[in-house]
Amino acid sequence: MADLPNLDIDEIARVKAIAGSAEDGPVLMLNLNRYVAEAEYPNGELYLAYRKTMADIVAEVGGRILWRTSAHGHVVGDLVIHEALGIWYPSHQAFLDLATAPSSDENMRLRALAVEAANLLRCDVY
């Protein structure tokens, strides 16, 4: 996997184990992102470039961004984000394939510039 901050090695190992098994199937990844000021979320050039490469890379592995929405505050807890995205992948392997997809390098370059903090949760498909 890419060199991402706070990467949970144990969870990546679980995803890899599922991907290599007969149990592999669709997965929903809930992305909770906070952007740097320079990204000028939601209409800045940097954010829009990152948004485009994210859509490109997800499509390259057969996934779909099901929805995205702005967050306007937190009622409980202390997680501060700007955007939540629900991204469907046809399999855990497809999610892992993000690391080698054609748009991976550009996506990671823009991610490093635009994203201040991110939480990625593996969820059941609904």
Protein backbone atom coordinates (compact mmCIF):
# COMPACT_ATOMS: atom_id res chain seq x y z
CA MET A 1 0.00 0.00 0.00
CA ALA A 2 1.01 3.59 -0.46
CA ASP A 3 2.95 5.40 2.22
CA LEU A 4 -0.07 6.78 4.08
CA PRO A 5 -0.08 8.24 7.59
CA ASN A 6 -1.78 6.19 10.30
CA LEU A 7 -1.97 3.12 8.08
CA ASP A 8 -3.36 0.20 10.11
CA ILE A 9 -1.08 -2.68 9.09
CA ASP A 10 -3.34 -5.26 10.75
CA GLU A 11 -6.40 -4.03 8.83
CA ILE A 12 -4.47 -4.02 5.54
CA ALA A 13 -3.46 -7.63 6.29
CA ARG A 14 -7.15 -8.50 6.81
CA VAL A 15 -8.08 -6.85 3.49
CA LYS A 16 -5.28 -8.76 1.73
CA ALA A 17 -6.43 -12.04 3.30
CA ILE A 18 -10.00 -11.44 2.13
CA ALA A 19 -8.77 -10.41 -1.34
CA GLY A 20 -6.90 -13.67 -1.69
CA SER A 21 -9.83 -15.84 -0.68
CA ALA A 22 -13.14 -17.14 -1.96
CA GLU A 23 -14.78 -14.68 0.47
CA ASP A 24 -13.73 -11.65 -1.57
CA GLY A 25 -16.63 -9.50 -2.65
CA PRO A 26 -17.87 -5.93 -2.83
CA VAL A 27 -16.85 -3.48 -0.14
CA LEU A 28 -17.85 0.07 0.74
CA MET A 29 -15.12 2.42 1.92
CA LEU A 30 -16.29 5.40 3.93
CA ASN A 31 -13.81 8.25 3.40
CA LEU A 32 -13.83 11.12 5.90
CA ASN A 33 -11.53 13.88 4.68
CA ARG A 34 -10.29 17.20 5.99
CA TYR A 35 -8.49 19.39 3.46
CA VAL A 36 -5.70 21.92 3.86
CA ALA A 37 -6.63 25.58 3.51
CA GLU A 38 -4.72 25.78 0.22
CA ALA A 39 -7.09 23.21 -1.30
CA GLU A 40 -9.88 25.78 -0.92
CA TYR A 41 -12.54 23.10 -0.45
CA PRO A 42 -15.04 22.81 -2.13
CA ASN A 43 -14.29 24.94 -5.20
CA GLY A 44 -10.52 25.44 -5.22
CA GLU A 45 -8.33 24.35 -8.11
CA LEU A 46 -6.27 21.96 -5.95
CA TYR A 47 -9.34 20.29 -4.46
CA LEU A 48 -10.99 19.94 -7.87
CA ALA A 49 -7.82 18.40 -9.35
CA TYR A 50 -7.69 15.91 -6.47
CA ARG A 51 -11.40 15.17 -6.85
CA LYS A 52 -10.89 14.40 -10.56
CA THR A 53 -7.94 12.06 -10.00
CA MET A 54 -9.87 10.32 -7.24
CA ALA A 55 -12.76 9.69 -9.62
CA ASP A 56 -10.30 8.50 -12.29
CA ILE A 57 -8.47 6.04 -10.05
CA VAL A 58 -11.67 4.61 -8.58
CA ALA A 59 -13.02 4.01 -12.09
CA GLU A 60 -9.73 2.38 -13.16
CA VAL A 61 -10.23 -0.39 -10.58
CA GLY A 62 -13.94 -0.81 -11.35
CA GLY A 63 -15.25 1.14 -8.37
CA ARG A 64 -17.83 3.92 -8.10
CA ILE A 65 -18.14 6.97 -5.93
CA LEU A 66 -21.72 6.44 -4.74
CA TRP A 67 -22.05 9.75 -2.94
CA ARG A 68 -20.13 12.64 -1.51
CA THR A 69 -21.32 15.32 0.85
CA SER A 70 -19.94 18.27 2.77
CA ALA A 71 -19.80 18.04 6.54
CA HIS A 72 -20.98 21.11 8.42
CA GLY A 73 -19.88 20.28 11.95
CA HIS A 74 -19.77 17.50 14.47
CA VAL A 75 -22.53 17.07 16.99
CA VAL A 76 -20.75 14.36 18.99
CA GLY A 77 -17.04 13.61 19.12
CA ASP A 78 -14.10 15.61 17.92
CA LEU A 79 -13.52 14.45 14.35
CA VAL A 80 -13.46 17.54 12.14
CA ILE A 81 -13.90 16.84 8.42
CA HIS A 82 -14.91 18.73 5.31
CA GLU A 83 -16.23 15.86 3.20
CA ALA A 84 -17.58 12.33 3.49
CA LEU A 85 -17.54 9.94 0.53
CA GLY A 86 -19.04 6.50 0.07
CA ILE A 87 -16.94 4.56 -2.43
CA TRP A 88 -18.02 1.11 -3.65
CA TYR A 89 -15.44 -1.37 -4.90
CA PRO A 90 -16.37 -4.62 -6.64
CA SER A 91 -13.93 -6.50 -4.40
CA HIS A 92 -11.31 -6.05 -1.71
CA GLN A 93 -8.75 -6.82 -4.43
CA ALA A 94 -10.04 -3.90 -6.49
CA PHE A 95 -9.47 -1.64 -3.48
CA LEU A 96 -5.90 -2.94 -3.17
CA ASP A 97 -5.39 -2.37 -6.90
CA LEU A 98 -5.61 1.38 -6.28
CA ALA A 99 -1.90 1.26 -5.42
CA THR A 100 -0.95 0.16 -8.95
CA ALA A 101 -3.70 1.78 -11.03
CA PRO A 102 -2.57 4.12 -13.84
CA SER A 103 -3.63 7.27 -11.94
CA SER A 104 -2.07 6.17 -8.64
CA ASP A 105 1.03 8.37 -8.72
CA GLU A 106 -0.89 11.51 -9.64
CA ASN A 107 -3.63 10.74 -7.12
CA MET A 108 -1.09 10.30 -4.33
CA ARG A 109 0.75 13.49 -5.35
CA LEU A 110 -2.44 15.54 -5.21
CA ARG A 111 -3.58 13.79 -2.03
CA ALA A 112 -0.34 14.81 -0.32
CA LEU A 113 -0.97 18.44 -1.31
CA ALA A 114 -4.71 18.63 -0.63
CA VAL A 115 -5.60 16.31 2.27
CA GLU A 116 -4.77 17.37 5.81
CA ALA A 117 -6.34 14.33 7.50
CA ALA A 118 -8.26 11.29 6.36
CA ASN A 119 -10.09 8.41 7.95
CA LEU A 120 -10.98 5.41 5.82
CA LEU A 121 -13.44 2.87 7.19
CA ARG A 122 -14.14 -0.53 5.63
CA CYS A 123 -17.88 -1.14 5.69
CA ASP A 124 -20.48 -3.62 4.55
CA VAL A 125 -22.06 -2.85 1.21
CA TYR A 126 -25.61 -1.65 1.72
